[in-house]
PDB file of N, CA and C in Angstrom:
ATOM      1  N   MET A   1       0.247  -3.823  49.075  1.00  0.00           N
ATOM      2  CA  MET A   1      -0.406  -3.718  47.783  1.00  0.00           C
ATOM      3  C   MET A   1      -0.515  -5.099  47.137  1.00  0.00           C
ATOM      4  N   GLU A   2      -1.685  -5.417  46.630  1.00  0.00           N
ATOM      5  CA  GLU A   2      -1.871  -6.751  46.049  1.00  0.00           C
ATOM      6  C   GLU A   2      -1.244  -6.814  44.652  1.00  0.00           C
ATOM      7  N   PRO A   3      -0.803  -8.011  44.237  1.00  0.00           N
ATOM      8  CA  PRO A   3      -0.214  -8.161  42.917  1.00  0.00           C
ATOM      9  C   PRO A   3      -1.285  -7.955  41.824  1.00  0.00           C
ATOM     10  N   SER A   4      -0.825  -7.523  40.681  1.00  0.00           N
ATOM     11  CA  SER A   4      -1.725  -7.331  39.526  1.00  0.00           C
ATOM     12  C   SER A   4      -1.987  -8.687  38.851  1.00  0.00           C
ATOM     13  N   GLU A   5      -3.042  -8.709  38.026  1.00  0.00           N
ATOM     14  CA  GLU A   5      -3.331  -9.930  37.243  1.00  0.00           C
ATOM     15  C   GLU A   5      -2.144 -10.267  36.333  1.00  0.00           C
ATOM     16  N   LYS A   6      -1.524  -9.237  35.790  1.00  0.00           N
ATOM     17  CA  LYS A   6      -0.355  -9.456  34.912  1.00  0.00           C
ATOM     18  C   LYS A   6       0.756 -10.124  35.640  1.00  0.00           C
ATOM     19  N   GLU A   7       1.054  -9.704  36.890  1.00  0.00           N
ATOM     20  CA  GLU A   7       2.091 -10.322  37.704  1.00  0.00           C
ATOM     21  C   GLU A   7       1.731 -11.750  38.066  1.00  0.00           C
ATOM     22  N   ILE A   8       0.492 -11.986  38.455  1.00  0.00           N
ATOM     23  CA  ILE A   8       0.054 -13.347  38.827  1.00  0.00           C
ATOM     24  C   ILE A   8       0.120 -14.248  37.606  1.00  0.00           C
ATOM     25  N   THR A   9      -0.331 -13.766  36.457  1.00  0.00           N
ATOM     26  CA  THR A   9      -0.304 -14.550  35.224  1.00  0.00           C
ATOM     27  C   THR A   9       1.133 -14.949  34.889  1.00  0.00           C
ATOM     28  N   ALA A  10       2.079 -14.007  34.980  1.00  0.00           N
ATOM     29  CA  ALA A  10       3.484 -14.302  34.679  1.00  0.00           C
ATOM     30  C   ALA A  10       4.024 -15.361  35.614  1.00  0.00           C
ATOM     31  N   SER A  11       3.689 -15.290  36.896  1.00  0.00           N
ATOM     32  CA  SER A  11       4.155 -16.280  37.867  1.00  0.00           C
ATOM     33  C   SER A  11       3.559 -17.654  37.586  1.00  0.00           C
ATOM     34  N   ILE A  12       2.282 -17.710  37.281  1.00  0.00           N
ATOM     35  CA  ILE A  12       1.617 -18.955  36.939  1.00  0.00           C
ATOM     36  C   ILE A  12       2.245 -19.584  35.707  1.00  0.00           C
ATOM     37  N   ARG A  13       2.473 -18.780  34.677  1.00  0.00           N
ATOM     38  CA  ARG A  13       3.080 -19.307  33.456  1.00  0.00           C
ATOM     39  C   ARG A  13       4.505 -19.817  33.694  1.00  0.00           C
ATOM     40  N   GLN A  14       5.223 -19.165  34.606  1.00  0.00           N
ATOM     41  CA  GLN A  14       6.574 -19.639  34.952  1.00  0.00           C
ATOM     42  C   GLN A  14       6.483 -21.025  35.572  1.00  0.00           C
ATOM     43  N   VAL A  15       5.536 -21.244  36.478  1.00  0.00           N
ATOM     44  CA  VAL A  15       5.364 -22.573  37.094  1.00  0.00           C
ATOM     45  C   VAL A  15       4.949 -23.598  36.056  1.00  0.00           C
ATOM     46  N   LEU A  16       4.030 -23.255  35.167  1.00  0.00           N
ATOM     47  CA  LEU A  16       3.595 -24.201  34.144  1.00  0.00           C
ATOM     48  C   LEU A  16       4.752 -24.583  33.229  1.00  0.00           C
ATOM     49  N   ARG A  17       5.595 -23.607  32.859  1.00  0.00           N
ATOM     50  CA  ARG A  17       6.779 -23.918  32.035  1.00  0.00           C
ATOM     51  C   ARG A  17       7.738 -24.828  32.808  1.00  0.00           C
ATOM     52  N   LEU A  18       7.971 -24.526  34.078  1.00  0.00           N
ATOM     53  CA  LEU A  18       8.850 -25.346  34.904  1.00  0.00           C
ATOM     54  C   LEU A  18       8.367 -26.809  34.970  1.00  0.00           C
ATOM     55  N   CYS A  19       7.074 -26.970  35.014  1.00  0.00           N
ATOM     56  CA  CYS A  19       6.455 -28.303  35.074  1.00  0.00           C
ATOM     57  C   CYS A  19       6.227 -28.904  33.696  1.00  0.00           C
ATOM     58  N   LYS A  20       6.667 -28.193  32.662  1.00  0.00           N
ATOM     59  CA  LYS A  20       6.536 -28.649  31.271  1.00  0.00           C
ATOM     60  C   LYS A  20       5.090 -28.922  30.892  1.00  0.00           C
ATOM     61  N   ILE A  21       4.220 -28.052  31.318  1.00  0.00           N
ATOM     62  CA  ILE A  21       2.794 -28.136  30.975  1.00  0.00           C
ATOM     63  C   ILE A  21       2.514 -27.207  29.795  1.00  0.00           C
ATOM     64  N   TRP A  22       2.085 -27.809  28.675  1.00  0.00           N
ATOM     65  CA  TRP A  22       1.832 -27.015  27.469  1.00  0.00           C
ATOM     66  C   TRP A  22       0.663 -26.053  27.752  1.00  0.00           C
ATOM     67  N   HIS A  23       0.845 -24.796  27.382  1.00  0.00           N
ATOM     68  CA  HIS A  23      -0.189 -23.791  27.592  1.00  0.00           C
ATOM     69  C   HIS A  23       0.089 -22.559  26.745  1.00  0.00           C
ATOM     70  N   PHE A  24      -0.880 -21.686  26.695  1.00  0.00           N
ATOM     71  CA  PHE A  24      -0.674 -20.387  26.077  1.00  0.00           C
ATOM     72  C   PHE A  24      -1.571 -19.360  26.784  1.00  0.00           C
ATOM     73  N   LYS A  25      -1.181 -18.112  26.655  1.00  0.00           N
ATOM     74  CA  LYS A  25      -1.947 -16.978  27.198  1.00  0.00           C
ATOM     75  C   LYS A  25      -2.952 -16.581  26.136  1.00  0.00           C
ATOM     76  N   HIS A  26      -4.217 -16.580  26.500  1.00  0.00           N
ATOM     77  CA  HIS A  26      -5.277 -16.138  25.577  1.00  0.00           C
ATOM     78  C   HIS A  26      -5.451 -14.637  25.780  1.00  0.00           C
ATOM     79  N   TRP A  27      -5.334 -13.919  24.685  1.00  0.00           N
ATOM     80  CA  TRP A  27      -5.508 -12.457  24.737  1.00  0.00           C
ATOM     81  C   TRP A  27      -6.921 -12.135  24.257  1.00  0.00           C
ATOM     82  N   GLY A  28      -7.794 -11.774  25.159  1.00  0.00           N
ATOM     83  CA  GLY A  28      -9.181 -11.440  24.814  1.00  0.00           C
ATOM     84  C   GLY A  28      -9.228 -10.082  24.139  1.00  0.00           C
ATOM     85  N   GLY A  29     -10.310  -9.871  23.470  1.00  0.00           N
ATOM     86  CA  GLY A  29     -10.501  -8.605  22.787  1.00  0.00           C
ATOM     87  C   GLY A  29     -11.953  -8.441  22.369  1.00  0.00           C
ATOM     88  N   PRO A  30     -12.298  -7.317  21.825  1.00  0.00           N
ATOM     89  CA  PRO A  30     -13.680  -7.042  21.464  1.00  0.00           C
ATOM     90  C   PRO A  30     -14.228  -7.981  20.364  1.00  0.00           C
ATOM     91  N   MET A  31     -13.347  -8.559  19.567  1.00  0.00           N
ATOM     92  CA  MET A  31     -13.773  -9.443  18.496  1.00  0.00           C
ATOM     93  C   MET A  31     -13.755 -10.915  18.901  1.00  0.00           C
ATOM     94  N   GLY A  32     -13.250 -11.207  20.073  1.00  0.00           N
ATOM     95  CA  GLY A  32     -13.134 -12.611  20.533  1.00  0.00           C
ATOM     96  C   GLY A  32     -14.367 -13.112  21.265  1.00  0.00           C
ATOM     97  N   GLU A  33     -14.334 -14.370  21.558  1.00  0.00           N
ATOM     98  CA  GLU A  33     -15.403 -15.044  22.329  1.00  0.00           C
ATOM     99  C   GLU A  33     -15.353 -14.546  23.762  1.00  0.00           C
ATOM    100  N   LYS A  34     -16.503 -14.164  24.326  1.00  0.00           N
ATOM    101  CA  LYS A  34     -16.570 -13.687  25.700  1.00  0.00           C
ATOM    102  C   LYS A  34     -16.343 -14.853  26.671  1.00  0.00           C
ATOM    103  N   GLY A  35     -15.603 -14.575  27.734  1.00  0.00           N
ATOM    104  CA  GLY A  35     -15.453 -15.530  28.818  1.00  0.00           C
ATOM    105  C   GLY A  35     -14.311 -16.508  28.696  1.00  0.00           C
ATOM    106  N   VAL A  36     -13.626 -16.550  27.552  1.00  0.00           N
ATOM    107  CA  VAL A  36     -12.518 -17.491  27.399  1.00  0.00           C
ATOM    108  C   VAL A  36     -11.438 -17.196  28.452  1.00  0.00           C
ATOM    109  N   SER A  37     -10.957 -18.244  29.111  1.00  0.00           N
ATOM    110  CA  SER A  37     -10.020 -18.043  30.205  1.00  0.00           C
ATOM    111  C   SER A  37      -8.683 -17.470  29.737  1.00  0.00           C
ATOM    112  N   ASP A  38      -7.957 -16.895  30.708  1.00  0.00           N
ATOM    113  CA  ASP A  38      -6.663 -16.253  30.430  1.00  0.00           C
ATOM    114  C   ASP A  38      -5.588 -17.215  29.991  1.00  0.00           C
ATOM    115  N   ILE A  39      -5.567 -18.401  30.590  1.00  0.00           N
ATOM    116  CA  ILE A  39      -4.555 -19.417  30.257  1.00  0.00           C
ATOM    117  C   ILE A  39      -5.267 -20.681  29.846  1.00  0.00           C
ATOM    118  N   ILE A  40      -4.890 -21.179  28.670  1.00  0.00           N
ATOM    119  CA  ILE A  40      -5.463 -22.431  28.121  1.00  0.00           C
ATOM    120  C   ILE A  40      -4.297 -23.389  27.947  1.00  0.00           C
ATOM    121  N   GLY A  41      -4.540 -24.667  28.266  1.00  0.00           N
ATOM    122  CA  GLY A  41      -3.458 -25.650  28.094  1.00  0.00           C
ATOM    123  C   GLY A  41      -3.954 -27.061  28.175  1.00  0.00           C
ATOM    124  N   CYS A  42      -3.006 -27.966  28.324  1.00  0.00           N
ATOM    125  CA  CYS A  42      -3.318 -29.374  28.452  1.00  0.00           C
ATOM    126  C   CYS A  42      -2.390 -29.997  29.527  1.00  0.00           C
ATOM    127  N   HIS A  43      -2.988 -30.741  30.436  1.00  0.00           N
ATOM    128  CA  HIS A  43      -2.252 -31.346  31.528  1.00  0.00           C
ATOM    129  C   HIS A  43      -2.744 -32.756  31.734  1.00  0.00           C
ATOM    130  N   GLN A  44      -1.868 -33.734  31.603  1.00  0.00           N
ATOM    131  CA  GLN A  44      -2.209 -35.144  31.781  1.00  0.00           C
ATOM    132  C   GLN A  44      -3.386 -35.539  30.915  1.00  0.00           C
ATOM    133  N   GLY A  45      -3.371 -35.067  29.662  1.00  0.00           N
ATOM    134  CA  GLY A  45      -4.402 -35.433  28.710  1.00  0.00           C
ATOM    135  C   GLY A  45      -5.705 -34.678  28.848  1.00  0.00           C
ATOM    136  N   LYS A  46      -5.768 -33.722  29.737  1.00  0.00           N
ATOM    137  CA  LYS A  46      -7.025 -32.941  29.916  1.00  0.00           C
ATOM    138  C   LYS A  46      -6.781 -31.473  29.610  1.00  0.00           C
ATOM    139  N   MET A  47      -7.824 -30.873  29.026  1.00  0.00           N
ATOM    140  CA  MET A  47      -7.757 -29.421  28.806  1.00  0.00           C
ATOM    141  C   MET A  47      -7.754 -28.718  30.140  1.00  0.00           C
ATOM    142  N   ILE A  48      -6.961 -27.663  30.221  1.00  0.00           N
ATOM    143  CA  ILE A  48      -7.017 -26.803  31.392  1.00  0.00           C
ATOM    144  C   ILE A  48      -7.368 -25.394  31.003  1.00  0.00           C
ATOM    145  N   ALA A  49      -8.160 -24.756  31.793  1.00  0.00           N
ATOM    146  CA  ALA A  49      -8.546 -23.342  31.599  1.00  0.00           C
ATOM    147  C   ALA A  49      -8.385 -22.668  32.948  1.00  0.00           C
ATOM    148  N   ILE A  50      -7.555 -21.625  32.961  1.00  0.00           N
ATOM    149  CA  ILE A  50      -7.294 -20.895  34.203  1.00  0.00           C
ATOM    150  C   ILE A  50      -7.661 -19.454  34.005  1.00  0.00           C
ATOM    151  N   GLU A  51      -8.612 -19.006  34.785  1.00  0.00           N
ATOM    152  CA  GLU A  51      -9.040 -17.603  34.784  1.00  0.00           C
ATOM    153  C   GLU A  51      -8.255 -16.915  35.893  1.00  0.00           C
ATOM    154  N   VAL A  52      -7.398 -15.991  35.561  1.00  0.00           N
ATOM    155  CA  VAL A  52      -6.518 -15.342  36.539  1.00  0.00           C
ATOM    156  C   VAL A  52      -7.196 -14.060  37.049  1.00  0.00           C
ATOM    157  N   LYS A  53      -7.211 -13.918  38.354  1.00  0.00           N
ATOM    158  CA  LYS A  53      -7.780 -12.747  39.006  1.00  0.00           C
ATOM    159  C   LYS A  53      -6.822 -12.323  40.107  1.00  0.00           C
ATOM    160  N   LYS A  54      -6.756 -11.003  40.367  1.00  0.00           N
ATOM    161  CA  LYS A  54      -6.023 -10.542  41.517  1.00  0.00           C
ATOM    162  C   LYS A  54      -6.841 -10.943  42.731  1.00  0.00           C
ATOM    163  N   PRO A  55      -6.217 -10.943  43.923  1.00  0.00           N
ATOM    164  CA  PRO A  55      -6.902 -11.434  45.125  1.00  0.00           C
ATOM    165  C   PRO A  55      -8.278 -10.820  45.378  1.00  0.00           C
ATOM    166  N   SER A  56      -8.464  -9.563  45.032  1.00  0.00           N
ATOM    167  CA  SER A  56      -9.772  -8.913  45.265  1.00  0.00           C
ATOM    168  C   SER A  56     -10.699  -9.037  44.075  1.00  0.00           C
ATOM    169  N   GLY A  57     -10.242  -9.678  42.998  1.00  0.00           N
ATOM    170  CA  GLY A  57     -11.018  -9.762  41.749  1.00  0.00           C
ATOM    171  C   GLY A  57     -12.066 -10.865  41.775  1.00  0.00           C
ATOM    172  N   LYS A  58     -13.066 -10.690  40.864  1.00  0.00           N
ATOM    173  CA  LYS A  58     -14.106 -11.697  40.722  1.00  0.00           C
ATOM    174  C   LYS A  58     -14.301 -11.993  39.241  1.00  0.00           C
ATOM    175  N   ALA A  59     -14.546 -13.258  38.959  1.00  0.00           N
ATOM    176  CA  ALA A  59     -14.806 -13.664  37.579  1.00  0.00           C
ATOM    177  C   ALA A  59     -16.209 -13.199  37.153  1.00  0.00           C
ATOM    178  N   THR A  60     -16.329 -12.873  35.857  1.00  0.00           N
ATOM    179  CA  THR A  60     -17.607 -12.488  35.306  1.00  0.00           C
ATOM    180  C   THR A  60     -18.491 -13.706  35.081  1.00  0.00           C
ATOM    181  N   PRO A  61     -19.787 -13.528  34.943  1.00  0.00           N
ATOM    182  CA  PRO A  61     -20.658 -14.675  34.632  1.00  0.00           C
ATOM    183  C   PRO A  61     -20.175 -15.427  33.366  1.00  0.00           C
ATOM    184  N   ALA A  62     -19.754 -14.704  32.331  1.00  0.00           N
ATOM    185  CA  ALA A  62     -19.277 -15.356  31.106  1.00  0.00           C
ATOM    186  C   ALA A  62     -18.040 -16.199  31.377  1.00  0.00           C
ATOM    187  N   GLN A  63     -17.158 -15.703  32.213  1.00  0.00           N
ATOM    188  CA  GLN A  63     -15.938 -16.467  32.560  1.00  0.00           C
ATOM    189  C   GLN A  63     -16.285 -17.706  33.360  1.00  0.00           C
ATOM    190  N   LEU A  64     -17.206 -17.586  34.302  1.00  0.00           N
ATOM    191  CA  LEU A  64     -17.634 -18.732  35.088  1.00  0.00           C
ATOM    192  C   LEU A  64     -18.349 -19.754  34.211  1.00  0.00           C
ATOM    193  N   ASP A  65     -19.134 -19.312  33.244  1.00  0.00           N
ATOM    194  CA  ASP A  65     -19.794 -20.238  32.325  1.00  0.00           C
ATOM    195  C   ASP A  65     -18.760 -20.993  31.501  1.00  0.00           C
ATOM    196  N   PHE A  66     -17.719 -20.301  31.006  1.00  0.00           N
ATOM    197  CA  PHE A  66     -16.672 -20.949  30.215  1.00  0.00           C
ATOM    198  C   PHE A  66     -16.002 -22.051  31.084  1.00  0.00           C
ATOM    199  N   LEU A  67     -15.649 -21.716  32.322  1.00  0.00           N
ATOM    200  CA  LEU A  67     -15.030 -22.704  33.196  1.00  0.00           C
ATOM    201  C   LEU A  67     -15.935 -23.881  33.467  1.00  0.00           C
ATOM    202  N   ALA A  68     -17.222 -23.629  33.667  1.00  0.00           N
ATOM    203  CA  ALA A  68     -18.185 -24.697  33.912  1.00  0.00           C
ATOM    204  C   ALA A  68     -18.287 -25.609  32.699  1.00  0.00           C
ATOM    205  N   ASN A  69     -18.252 -25.038  31.494  1.00  0.00           N
ATOM    206  CA  ASN A  69     -18.314 -25.839  30.280  1.00  0.00           C
ATOM    207  C   ASN A  69     -17.064 -26.689  30.124  1.00  0.00           C
ATOM    208  N   VAL A  70     -15.886 -26.185  30.467  1.00  0.00           N
ATOM    209  CA  VAL A  70     -14.685 -26.957  30.422  1.00  0.00           C
ATOM    210  C   VAL A  70     -14.784 -28.156  31.349  1.00  0.00           C
ATOM    211  N   VAL A  71     -15.231 -27.920  32.557  1.00  0.00           N
ATOM    212  CA  VAL A  71     -15.354 -28.990  33.580  1.00  0.00           C
ATOM    213  C   VAL A  71     -16.391 -30.013  33.115  1.00  0.00           C
ATOM    214  N   LYS A  72     -17.523 -29.535  32.602  1.00  0.00           N
ATOM    215  CA  LYS A  72     -18.572 -30.424  32.125  1.00  0.00           C
ATOM    216  C   LYS A  72     -18.070 -31.346  31.011  1.00  0.00           C
ATOM    217  N   ALA A  73     -17.142 -30.827  30.211  1.00  0.00           N
ATOM    218  CA  ALA A  73     -16.588 -31.604  29.084  1.00  0.00           C
ATOM    219  C   ALA A  73     -15.430 -32.537  29.527  1.00  0.00           C
ATOM    220  N   GLY A  74     -15.120 -32.530  30.815  1.00  0.00           N
ATOM    221  CA  GLY A  74     -14.079 -33.420  31.333  1.00  0.00           C
ATOM    222  C   GLY A  74     -12.730 -32.744  31.566  1.00  0.00           C
ATOM    223  N   GLY A  75     -12.676 -31.453  31.366  1.00  0.00           N
ATOM    224  CA  GLY A  75     -11.422 -30.702  31.566  1.00  0.00           C
ATOM    225  C   GLY A  75     -11.304 -30.189  32.997  1.00  0.00           C
ATOM    226  N   ILE A  76     -10.254 -29.371  33.185  1.00  0.00           N
ATOM    227  CA  ILE A  76     -10.011 -28.771  34.475  1.00  0.00           C
ATOM    228  C   ILE A  76     -10.093 -27.266  34.291  1.00  0.00           C
ATOM    229  N   GLY A  77     -11.047 -26.625  34.971  1.00  0.00           N
ATOM    230  CA  GLY A  77     -11.212 -25.203  34.843  1.00  0.00           C
ATOM    231  C   GLY A  77     -11.412 -24.567  36.204  1.00  0.00           C
ATOM    232  N   PHE A  78     -10.705 -23.475  36.456  1.00  0.00           N
ATOM    233  CA  PHE A  78     -10.826 -22.822  37.765  1.00  0.00           C
ATOM    234  C   PHE A  78     -10.313 -21.395  37.721  1.00  0.00           C
ATOM    235  N   VAL A  79     -10.672 -20.644  38.736  1.00  0.00           N
ATOM    236  CA  VAL A  79     -10.173 -19.271  38.954  1.00  0.00           C
ATOM    237  C   VAL A  79      -8.939 -19.385  39.833  1.00  0.00           C
ATOM    238  N   ALA A  80      -7.855 -18.705  39.435  1.00  0.00           N
ATOM    239  CA  ALA A  80      -6.637 -18.706  40.241  1.00  0.00           C
ATOM    240  C   ALA A  80      -6.335 -17.258  40.656  1.00  0.00           C
ATOM    241  N   LYS A  81      -6.112 -17.089  41.931  1.00  0.00           N
ATOM    242  CA  LYS A  81      -5.728 -15.772  42.448  1.00  0.00           C
ATOM    243  C   LYS A  81      -4.282 -15.775  42.937  1.00  0.00           C
ATOM    244  N   SER A  82      -3.608 -16.924  42.746  1.00  0.00           N
ATOM    245  CA  SER A  82      -2.171 -17.025  43.136  1.00  0.00           C
ATOM    246  C   SER A  82      -1.599 -18.267  42.450  1.00  0.00           C
ATOM    247  N   VAL A  83      -0.275 -18.322  42.475  1.00  0.00           N
ATOM    248  CA  VAL A  83       0.429 -19.534  41.973  1.00  0.00           C
ATOM    249  C   VAL A  83       0.038 -20.709  42.836  1.00  0.00           C
ATOM    250  N   GLU A  84      -0.134 -20.531  44.104  1.00  0.00           N
ATOM    251  CA  GLU A  84      -0.487 -21.634  44.979  1.00  0.00           C
ATOM    252  C   GLU A  84      -1.827 -22.285  44.587  1.00  0.00           C
ATOM    253  N   ASP A  85      -2.779 -21.466  44.103  1.00  0.00           N
ATOM    254  CA  ASP A  85      -4.045 -22.049  43.620  1.00  0.00           C
ATOM    255  C   ASP A  85      -3.817 -23.011  42.490  1.00  0.00           C
ATOM    256  N   VAL A  86      -2.877 -22.674  41.561  1.00  0.00           N
ATOM    257  CA  VAL A  86      -2.602 -23.524  40.428  1.00  0.00           C
ATOM    258  C   VAL A  86      -1.891 -24.803  40.869  1.00  0.00           C
ATOM    259  N   ILE A  87      -0.938 -24.669  41.773  1.00  0.00           N
ATOM    260  CA  ILE A  87      -0.196 -25.843  42.273  1.00  0.00           C
ATOM    261  C   ILE A  87      -1.169 -26.806  42.933  1.00  0.00           C
ATOM    262  N   GLU A  88      -2.116 -26.272  43.705  1.00  0.00           N
ATOM    263  CA  GLU A  88      -3.113 -27.112  44.404  1.00  0.00           C
ATOM    264  C   GLU A  88      -4.072 -27.753  43.418  1.00  0.00           C
ATOM    265  N   LYS A  89      -4.678 -26.953  42.506  1.00  0.00           N
ATOM    266  CA  LYS A  89      -5.698 -27.468  41.616  1.00  0.00           C
ATOM    267  C   LYS A  89      -5.144 -28.478  40.599  1.00  0.00           C
ATOM    268  N   LEU A  90      -3.896 -28.301  40.158  1.00  0.00           N
ATOM    269  CA  LEU A  90      -3.303 -29.220  39.203  1.00  0.00           C
ATOM    270  C   LEU A  90      -2.477 -30.300  39.909  1.00  0.00           C
ATOM    271  N   ASN A  91      -2.511 -30.295  41.243  1.00  0.00           N
ATOM    272  CA  ASN A  91      -1.806 -31.307  42.015  1.00  0.00           C
ATOM    273  C   ASN A  91      -0.305 -31.344  41.661  1.00  0.00           C
ATOM    274  N   LEU A  92       0.322 -30.176  41.672  1.00  0.00           N
ATOM    275  CA  LEU A  92       1.744 -30.067  41.260  1.00  0.00           C
ATOM    276  C   LEU A  92       2.690 -30.062  42.442  1.00  0.00           C
ATOM    277  N   GLY A  93       2.152 -30.082  43.653  1.00  0.00           N
ATOM    278  CA  GLY A  93       3.022 -29.978  44.830  1.00  0.00           C
ATOM    279  C   GLY A  93       4.131 -31.012  44.861  1.00  0.00           C
ATOM    280  N   GLY A  94       3.798 -32.224  44.517  1.00  0.00           N
ATOM    281  CA  GLY A  94       4.807 -33.298  44.483  1.00  0.00           C
ATOM    282  C   GLY A  94       5.938 -33.053  43.510  1.00  0.00           C
ATOM    283  N   ARG A  95       5.632 -32.374  42.417  1.00  0.00           N
ATOM    284  CA  ARG A  95       6.694 -32.064  41.438  1.00  0.00           C
ATOM    285  C   ARG A  95       7.746 -31.156  42.051  1.00  0.00           C
ATOM    286  N   PHE A  96       7.319 -30.230  42.861  1.00  0.00           N
ATOM    287  CA  PHE A  96       8.284 -29.317  43.476  1.00  0.00           C
ATOM    288  C   PHE A  96       9.079 -30.046  44.561  1.00  0.00           C
ATOM    289  N   LEU A  97       8.417 -30.939  45.297  1.00  0.00           N
ATOM    290  CA  LEU A  97       9.111 -31.736  46.304  1.00  0.00           C
ATOM    291  C   LEU A  97      10.134 -32.639  45.617  1.00  0.00           C
ATOM    292  N   ASP A  98       9.717 -33.307  44.525  1.00  0.00           N
ATOM    293  CA  ASP A  98      10.630 -34.187  43.804  1.00  0.00           C
ATOM    294  C   ASP A  98      11.807 -33.401  43.252  1.00  0.00           C
ATOM    295  N   PHE A  99      11.516 -32.214  42.708  1.00  0.00           N
ATOM    296  CA  PHE A  99      12.566 -31.379  42.138  1.00  0.00           C
ATOM    297  C   PHE A  99      13.610 -31.022  43.198  1.00  0.00           C
ATOM    298  N   GLY A 100      13.127 -30.646  44.372  1.00  0.00           N
ATOM    299  CA  GLY A 100      14.031 -30.293  45.465  1.00  0.00           C
ATOM    300  C   GLY A 100      14.875 -31.479  45.925  1.00  0.00           C
ATOM    301  N   GLN A 101      14.260 -32.667  45.981  1.00  0.00           N
ATOM    302  CA  GLN A 101      15.003 -33.852  46.420  1.00  0.00           C
ATOM    303  C   GLN A 101      16.065 -34.253  45.412  1.00  0.00           C
ATOM    304  N   GLN A 102      15.789 -34.068  44.122  1.00  0.00           N
ATOM    305  CA  GLN A 102      16.760 -34.416  43.084  1.00  0.00           C
ATOM    306  C   GLN A 102      17.976 -33.512  43.169  1.00  0.00           C
ATOM    307  N   ASN A 103      17.801 -32.282  43.582  1.00  0.00           N
ATOM    308  CA  ASN A 103      18.891 -31.316  43.633  1.00  0.00           C
ATOM    309  C   ASN A 103      19.614 -31.327  44.989  1.00  0.00           C
ATOM    310  N   ASN A 104      19.050 -32.039  45.960  1.00  0.00           N
ATOM    311  CA  ASN A 104      19.646 -32.094  47.279  1.00  0.00           C
ATOM    312  C   ASN A 104      19.788 -33.544  47.713  1.00  0.00           C
ATOM    313  N   PRO A 105      20.845 -34.248  47.253  1.00  0.00           N
ATOM    314  CA  PRO A 105      20.972 -35.670  47.575  1.00  0.00           C
ATOM    315  C   PRO A 105      21.205 -35.931  49.060  1.00  0.00           C
TER     316      PRO A 105
END
């Protein structure tokens, strides 16, 4: 059984907190702007927008437009279907390697 978006979002947020990346979960609703990504934050001086989907999920046209606008404005915007997607897109792999080396002299 594939993980839910809620589970993936929680895992992604855990990694972002571990890496001390400022972010928040955007809660969409009928009165909000369409397409705004699930996770909004700032990493290395750039806005980040992460649209979380389960492995079989697809972003809507409004969500893809939002991500494209973030990228066009100089930010980092992408669809994540796993924690690994976030680690790769934000180039966080080294942080986990460094963390492991610090704890294992």
